[in-house]
Protein backbone atom coordinates (compact mmCIF):
# COMPACT_ATOMS: atom_id res chain seq x y z
CA UNK A 1 0.00 0.00 0.00
CA UNK A 2 1.27 3.43 -0.93
CA UNK A 3 0.32 5.87 1.86
CA UNK A 4 0.39 8.73 -0.66
CA UNK A 5 -2.20 7.09 -2.90
CA UNK A 6 -5.93 6.87 -2.25
CA UNK A 7 -7.95 3.72 -2.79
CA UNK A 8 -9.65 5.35 -5.76
CA UNK A 9 -6.35 6.34 -7.37
CA UNK A 10 -5.03 2.82 -6.98
CA UNK A 11 -8.24 1.34 -8.40
CA UNK A 12 -7.84 3.44 -11.55
CA UNK A 13 -4.18 2.42 -11.85
CA UNK A 14 -5.11 -1.24 -11.61
CA UNK A 15 -7.91 -0.85 -14.14
CA UNK A 16 -5.61 0.88 -16.63
CA UNK A 17 -2.90 -1.78 -16.24
CA UNK A 18 -4.70 -4.20 -18.57
CA UNK A 19 -4.04 -7.09 -16.16
CA UNK A 20 -7.60 -7.40 -14.83
CA UNK A 21 -10.97 -8.11 -16.41
CA UNK A 22 -13.53 -7.33 -13.69
CA UNK A 23 -14.24 -4.82 -10.96
CA UNK A 24 -14.24 -7.75 -8.54
CA UNK A 25 -10.63 -8.50 -9.40
CA UNK A 26 -9.74 -4.85 -8.81
CA UNK A 27 -11.41 -4.92 -5.39
CA UNK A 28 -9.64 -8.16 -4.50
CA UNK A 29 -6.22 -6.74 -5.36
CA UNK A 30 -6.98 -3.54 -3.45
CA UNK A 31 -7.84 -5.57 -0.35
CA UNK A 32 -4.68 -7.67 -0.73
CA UNK A 33 -2.62 -4.49 -0.96
CA UNK A 34 -4.18 -3.10 2.24
CA UNK A 35 -6.60 -0.61 0.72
CA UNK A 36 -10.22 -0.35 1.80
CA UNK A 37 -11.94 -1.94 -1.19
CA UNK A 38 -15.38 -1.13 0.23
CA UNK A 39 -14.75 2.48 -0.84
CA UNK A 40 -15.08 1.34 -4.46
CA UNK A 41 -18.84 1.47 -4.83
CA UNK A 42 -21.64 3.14 -6.72
CA UNK A 43 -23.02 2.54 -10.19
CA UNK A 44 -21.27 5.47 -11.89
CA UNK A 45 -17.83 4.53 -10.55
CA UNK A 46 -18.35 0.86 -11.36
CA UNK A 47 -19.33 1.74 -14.96
CA UNK A 48 -16.31 4.00 -15.29
CA UNK A 49 -13.92 1.32 -14.03
CA UNK A 50 -15.56 -1.32 -16.23
CA UNK A 51 -15.07 0.90 -19.30
CA UNK A 52 -11.41 1.46 -18.41
CA UNK A 53 -10.97 -2.31 -18.05
CA UNK A 54 -12.48 -2.85 -21.50
CA UNK A 55 -10.41 -0.08 -23.09
CA UNK A 56 -7.15 -1.26 -21.52
CA UNK A 57 -7.61 -4.77 -22.92
CA UNK A 58 -8.24 -3.40 -26.40
CA UNK A 59 -4.71 -1.95 -26.61
PDB file of N, CA and C in Angstrom:
ATOM      1  N   UNK A   1       0.839  -1.183   0.000  1.00  0.00           N
ATOM      2  CA  UNK A   1       0.000   0.000   0.000  1.00  0.00           C
ATOM      3  C   UNK A   1       0.883   1.245   0.000  1.00  0.00           C
ATOM      4  N   UNK A   2       0.566   2.161  -0.852  1.00  0.00           N
ATOM      5  CA  UNK A   2       1.269   3.434  -0.925  1.00  0.00           C
ATOM      6  C   UNK A   2       0.482   4.449  -0.097  1.00  0.00           C
ATOM      7  N   UNK A   3       1.055   4.936   0.999  1.00  0.00           N
ATOM      8  CA  UNK A   3       0.321   5.872   1.856  1.00  0.00           C
ATOM      9  C   UNK A   3      -0.003   7.206   1.183  1.00  0.00           C
ATOM     10  N   UNK A   4       0.639   7.486   0.071  1.00  0.00           N
ATOM     11  CA  UNK A   4       0.390   8.731  -0.655  1.00  0.00           C
ATOM     12  C   UNK A   4      -0.649   8.571  -1.755  1.00  0.00           C
ATOM     13  N   UNK A   5      -1.250   7.376  -1.833  1.00  0.00           N
ATOM     14  CA  UNK A   5      -2.204   7.087  -2.904  1.00  0.00           C
ATOM     15  C   UNK A   5      -3.533   6.662  -2.282  1.00  0.00           C
ATOM     16  N   UNK A   6      -4.617   7.246  -2.761  1.00  0.00           N
ATOM     17  CA  UNK A   6      -5.934   6.869  -2.253  1.00  0.00           C
ATOM     18  C   UNK A   6      -6.384   5.550  -2.874  1.00  0.00           C
ATOM     19  N   UNK A   7      -7.384   4.954  -2.265  1.00  0.00           N
ATOM     20  CA  UNK A   7      -7.949   3.721  -2.794  1.00  0.00           C
ATOM     21  C   UNK A   7      -8.449   3.938  -4.215  1.00  0.00           C
ATOM     22  N   UNK A   8      -9.108   5.056  -4.439  1.00  0.00           N
ATOM     23  CA  UNK A   8      -9.652   5.350  -5.760  1.00  0.00           C
ATOM     24  C   UNK A   8      -8.536   5.504  -6.798  1.00  0.00           C
ATOM     25  N   UNK A   9      -7.473   6.196  -6.445  1.00  0.00           N
ATOM     26  CA  UNK A   9      -6.348   6.342  -7.372  1.00  0.00           C
ATOM     27  C   UNK A   9      -5.760   4.986  -7.738  1.00  0.00           C
ATOM     28  N   UNK A  10      -5.598   4.138  -6.733  1.00  0.00           N
ATOM     29  CA  UNK A  10      -5.027   2.817  -6.983  1.00  0.00           C
ATOM     30  C   UNK A  10      -5.972   1.970  -7.838  1.00  0.00           C
ATOM     31  N   UNK A  11      -7.274   2.083  -7.606  1.00  0.00           N
ATOM     32  CA  UNK A  11      -8.244   1.342  -8.400  1.00  0.00           C
ATOM     33  C   UNK A  11      -8.125   1.715  -9.874  1.00  0.00           C
ATOM     34  N   UNK A  12      -7.986   3.001 -10.161  1.00  0.00           N
ATOM     35  CA  UNK A  12      -7.844   3.439 -11.547  1.00  0.00           C
ATOM     36  C   UNK A  12      -6.529   2.949 -12.141  1.00  0.00           C
ATOM     37  N   UNK A  13      -5.464   2.960 -11.369  1.00  0.00           N
ATOM     38  CA  UNK A  13      -4.182   2.424 -11.849  1.00  0.00           C
ATOM     39  C   UNK A  13      -4.312   0.956 -12.230  1.00  0.00           C
ATOM     40  N   UNK A  14      -4.936   0.187 -11.355  1.00  0.00           N
ATOM     41  CA  UNK A  14      -5.108  -1.235 -11.611  1.00  0.00           C
ATOM     42  C   UNK A  14      -5.960  -1.465 -12.857  1.00  0.00           C
ATOM     43  N   UNK A  15      -7.032  -0.702 -12.980  1.00  0.00           N
ATOM     44  CA  UNK A  15      -7.913  -0.849 -14.141  1.00  0.00           C
ATOM     45  C   UNK A  15      -7.169  -0.537 -15.439  1.00  0.00           C
ATOM     46  N   UNK A  16      -6.339   0.467 -15.424  1.00  0.00           N
ATOM     47  CA  UNK A  16      -5.606   0.883 -16.629  1.00  0.00           C
ATOM     48  C   UNK A  16      -4.458  -0.067 -16.970  1.00  0.00           C
ATOM     49  N   UNK A  17      -4.057  -0.911 -16.025  1.00  0.00           N
ATOM     50  CA  UNK A  17      -2.905  -1.783 -16.241  1.00  0.00           C
ATOM     51  C   UNK A  17      -3.138  -2.835 -17.319  1.00  0.00           C
ATOM     52  N   UNK A  18      -4.402  -3.179 -17.582  1.00  0.00           N
ATOM     53  CA  UNK A  18      -4.695  -4.204 -18.567  1.00  0.00           C
ATOM     54  C   UNK A  18      -4.559  -5.617 -18.033  1.00  0.00           C
ATOM     55  N   UNK A  19      -4.259  -5.770 -16.755  1.00  0.00           N
ATOM     56  CA  UNK A  19      -4.045  -7.093 -16.165  1.00  0.00           C
ATOM     57  C   UNK A  19      -5.319  -7.707 -15.597  1.00  0.00           C
ATOM     58  N   UNK A  20      -6.389  -6.938 -15.489  1.00  0.00           N
ATOM     59  CA  UNK A  20      -7.605  -7.405 -14.829  1.00  0.00           C
ATOM     60  C   UNK A  20      -8.798  -7.278 -15.769  1.00  0.00           C
ATOM     61  N   UNK A  21      -9.816  -8.105 -15.516  1.00  0.00           N
ATOM     62  CA  UNK A  21     -10.971  -8.106 -16.412  1.00  0.00           C
ATOM     63  C   UNK A  21     -12.266  -7.704 -15.725  1.00  0.00           C
ATOM     64  N   UNK A  22     -12.295  -7.671 -14.392  1.00  0.00           N
ATOM     65  CA  UNK A  22     -13.533  -7.331 -13.694  1.00  0.00           C
ATOM     66  C   UNK A  22     -13.276  -6.380 -12.533  1.00  0.00           C
ATOM     67  N   UNK A  23     -14.331  -5.692 -12.132  1.00  0.00           N
ATOM     68  CA  UNK A  23     -14.242  -4.823 -10.958  1.00  0.00           C
ATOM     69  C   UNK A  23     -13.964  -5.649  -9.712  1.00  0.00           C
ATOM     70  N   UNK A  24     -14.488  -6.867  -9.679  1.00  0.00           N
ATOM     71  CA  UNK A  24     -14.242  -7.751  -8.538  1.00  0.00           C
ATOM     72  C   UNK A  24     -12.764  -8.047  -8.364  1.00  0.00           C
ATOM     73  N   UNK A  25     -12.078  -8.259  -9.473  1.00  0.00           N
ATOM     74  CA  UNK A  25     -10.630  -8.496  -9.403  1.00  0.00           C
ATOM     75  C   UNK A  25      -9.913  -7.263  -8.861  1.00  0.00           C
ATOM     76  N   UNK A  26     -10.337  -6.093  -9.296  1.00  0.00           N
ATOM     77  CA  UNK A  26      -9.739  -4.846  -8.809  1.00  0.00           C
ATOM     78  C   UNK A  26      -9.925  -4.737  -7.296  1.00  0.00           C
ATOM     79  N   UNK A  27     -11.133  -4.997  -6.830  1.00  0.00           N
ATOM     80  CA  UNK A  27     -11.413  -4.924  -5.388  1.00  0.00           C
ATOM     81  C   UNK A  27     -10.590  -5.939  -4.607  1.00  0.00           C
ATOM     82  N   UNK A  28     -10.423  -7.123  -5.166  1.00  0.00           N
ATOM     83  CA  UNK A  28      -9.639  -8.158  -4.501  1.00  0.00           C
ATOM     84  C   UNK A  28      -8.179  -7.735  -4.354  1.00  0.00           C
ATOM     85  N   UNK A  29      -7.610  -7.190  -5.403  1.00  0.00           N
ATOM     86  CA  UNK A  29      -6.217  -6.738  -5.362  1.00  0.00           C
ATOM     87  C   UNK A  29      -6.075  -5.577  -4.373  1.00  0.00           C
ATOM     88  N   UNK A  30      -7.025  -4.662  -4.398  1.00  0.00           N
ATOM     89  CA  UNK A  30      -6.981  -3.544  -3.445  1.00  0.00           C
ATOM     90  C   UNK A  30      -6.939  -4.062  -2.016  1.00  0.00           C
ATOM     91  N   UNK A  31      -7.801  -5.008  -1.703  1.00  0.00           N
ATOM     92  CA  UNK A  31      -7.843  -5.570  -0.349  1.00  0.00           C
ATOM     93  C   UNK A  31      -6.520  -6.252  -0.007  1.00  0.00           C
ATOM     94  N   UNK A  32      -5.960  -6.989  -0.957  1.00  0.00           N
ATOM     95  CA  UNK A  32      -4.684  -7.674  -0.731  1.00  0.00           C
ATOM     96  C   UNK A  32      -3.559  -6.670  -0.470  1.00  0.00           C
ATOM     97  N   UNK A  33      -3.658  -5.512  -1.107  1.00  0.00           N
ATOM     98  CA  UNK A  33      -2.621  -4.487  -0.955  1.00  0.00           C
ATOM     99  C   UNK A  33      -2.838  -3.623   0.290  1.00  0.00           C
ATOM    100  N   UNK A  34      -3.941  -3.840   1.008  1.00  0.00           N
ATOM    101  CA  UNK A  34      -4.183  -3.101   2.242  1.00  0.00           C
ATOM    102  C   UNK A  34      -5.077  -1.887   2.096  1.00  0.00           C
ATOM    103  N   UNK A  35      -5.667  -1.712   0.933  1.00  0.00           N
ATOM    104  CA  UNK A  35      -6.599  -0.610   0.719  1.00  0.00           C
ATOM    105  C   UNK A  35      -8.000  -1.039   1.166  1.00  0.00           C
ATOM    106  N   UNK A  36      -8.856  -0.078   1.401  1.00  0.00           N
ATOM    107  CA  UNK A  36     -10.223  -0.352   1.795  1.00  0.00           C
ATOM    108  C   UNK A  36     -11.077  -0.471   0.543  1.00  0.00           C
ATOM    109  N   UNK A  37     -11.242  -1.690   0.074  1.00  0.00           N
ATOM    110  CA  UNK A  37     -11.943  -1.940  -1.185  1.00  0.00           C
ATOM    111  C   UNK A  37     -13.415  -1.557  -1.112  1.00  0.00           C
ATOM    112  N   UNK A  38     -13.963  -1.492   0.094  1.00  0.00           N
ATOM    113  CA  UNK A  38     -15.377  -1.131   0.233  1.00  0.00           C
ATOM    114  C   UNK A  38     -15.641   0.313  -0.187  1.00  0.00           C
ATOM    115  N   UNK A  39     -14.595   1.101  -0.365  1.00  0.00           N
ATOM    116  CA  UNK A  39     -14.746   2.475  -0.842  1.00  0.00           C
ATOM    117  C   UNK A  39     -15.062   2.512  -2.336  1.00  0.00           C
ATOM    118  N   UNK A  40     -14.824   1.411  -3.016  1.00  0.00           N
ATOM    119  CA  UNK A  40     -15.081   1.338  -4.459  1.00  0.00           C
ATOM    120  C   UNK A  40     -16.513   0.847  -4.638  1.00  0.00           C
ATOM    121  N   UNK A  41     -17.425   1.800  -4.765  1.00  0.00           N
ATOM    122  CA  UNK A  41     -18.841   1.472  -4.829  1.00  0.00           C
ATOM    123  C   UNK A  41     -19.591   2.523  -5.635  1.00  0.00           C
ATOM    124  N   UNK A  42     -20.803   2.200  -5.989  1.00  0.00           N
ATOM    125  CA  UNK A  42     -21.644   3.140  -6.724  1.00  0.00           C
ATOM    126  C   UNK A  42     -21.686   2.813  -8.197  1.00  0.00           C
ATOM    127  N   UNK A  43     -22.851   2.939  -8.788  1.00  0.00           N
ATOM    128  CA  UNK A  43     -23.016   2.543 -10.189  1.00  0.00           C
ATOM    129  C   UNK A  43     -22.168   3.354 -11.173  1.00  0.00           C
ATOM    130  N   UNK A  44     -22.041   4.638 -10.951  1.00  0.00           N
ATOM    131  CA  UNK A  44     -21.266   5.469 -11.893  1.00  0.00           C
ATOM    132  C   UNK A  44     -19.787   5.081 -11.861  1.00  0.00           C
ATOM    133  N   UNK A  45     -19.240   4.906 -10.673  1.00  0.00           N
ATOM    134  CA  UNK A  45     -17.835   4.527 -10.551  1.00  0.00           C
ATOM    135  C   UNK A  45     -17.598   3.134 -11.121  1.00  0.00           C
ATOM    136  N   UNK A  46     -18.504   2.210 -10.853  1.00  0.00           N
ATOM    137  CA  UNK A  46     -18.346   0.856 -11.363  1.00  0.00           C
ATOM    138  C   UNK A  46     -18.392   0.839 -12.894  1.00  0.00           C
ATOM    139  N   UNK A  47     -19.286   1.631 -13.491  1.00  0.00           N
ATOM    140  CA  UNK A  47     -19.330   1.736 -14.960  1.00  0.00           C
ATOM    141  C   UNK A  47     -18.032   2.315 -15.499  1.00  0.00           C
ATOM    142  N   UNK A  48     -17.537   3.345 -14.838  1.00  0.00           N
ATOM    143  CA  UNK A  48     -16.309   4.001 -15.289  1.00  0.00           C
ATOM    144  C   UNK A  48     -15.131   3.021 -15.233  1.00  0.00           C
ATOM    145  N   UNK A  49     -14.995   2.299 -14.138  1.00  0.00           N
ATOM    146  CA  UNK A  49     -13.916   1.321 -14.029  1.00  0.00           C
ATOM    147  C   UNK A  49     -14.074   0.211 -15.065  1.00  0.00           C
ATOM    148  N   UNK A  50     -15.300  -0.260 -15.253  1.00  0.00           N
ATOM    149  CA  UNK A  50     -15.561  -1.317 -16.231  1.00  0.00           C
ATOM    150  C   UNK A  50     -15.148  -0.867 -17.633  1.00  0.00           C
ATOM    151  N   UNK A  51     -15.438   0.388 -17.988  1.00  0.00           N
ATOM    152  CA  UNK A  51     -15.065   0.901 -19.300  1.00  0.00           C
ATOM    153  C   UNK A  51     -13.544   0.994 -19.435  1.00  0.00           C
ATOM    154  N   UNK A  52     -12.867   1.392 -18.381  1.00  0.00           N
ATOM    155  CA  UNK A  52     -11.409   1.457 -18.409  1.00  0.00           C
ATOM    156  C   UNK A  52     -10.827   0.038 -18.590  1.00  0.00           C
ATOM    157  N   UNK A  53     -11.414  -0.934 -17.893  1.00  0.00           N
ATOM    158  CA  UNK A  53     -10.970  -2.315 -18.053  1.00  0.00           C
ATOM    159  C   UNK A  53     -11.114  -2.772 -19.498  1.00  0.00           C
ATOM    160  N   UNK A  54     -12.228  -2.477 -20.098  1.00  0.00           N
ATOM    161  CA  UNK A  54     -12.482  -2.849 -21.501  1.00  0.00           C
ATOM    162  C   UNK A  54     -11.485  -2.156 -22.424  1.00  0.00           C
ATOM    163  N   UNK A  55     -11.327  -0.851 -22.236  1.00  0.00           N
ATOM    164  CA  UNK A  55     -10.414  -0.080 -23.087  1.00  0.00           C
ATOM    165  C   UNK A  55      -8.976  -0.529 -22.938  1.00  0.00           C
ATOM    166  N   UNK A  56      -8.554  -0.866 -21.739  1.00  0.00           N
ATOM    167  CA  UNK A  56      -7.155  -1.257 -21.517  1.00  0.00           C
ATOM    168  C   UNK A  56      -6.835  -2.610 -22.148  1.00  0.00           C
ATOM    169  N   UNK A  57      -7.827  -3.462 -22.270  1.00  0.00           N
ATOM    170  CA  UNK A  57      -7.609  -4.770 -22.921  1.00  0.00           C
ATOM    171  C   UNK A  57      -7.582  -4.639 -24.430  1.00  0.00           C
ATOM    172  N   UNK A  58      -8.191  -3.599 -24.953  1.00  0.00           N
ATOM    173  CA  UNK A  58      -8.244  -3.398 -26.397  1.00  0.00           C
ATOM    174  C   UNK A  58      -6.910  -2.937 -26.968  1.00  0.00           C
ATOM    175  N   UNK A  59      -6.004  -2.485 -26.130  1.00  0.00           N
ATOM    176  CA  UNK A  59      -4.714  -1.950 -26.607  1.00  0.00           C
ATOM    177  C   UNK A  59      -3.632  -2.983 -26.542  1.00  0.00           C
TER     178      UNK A  59
END
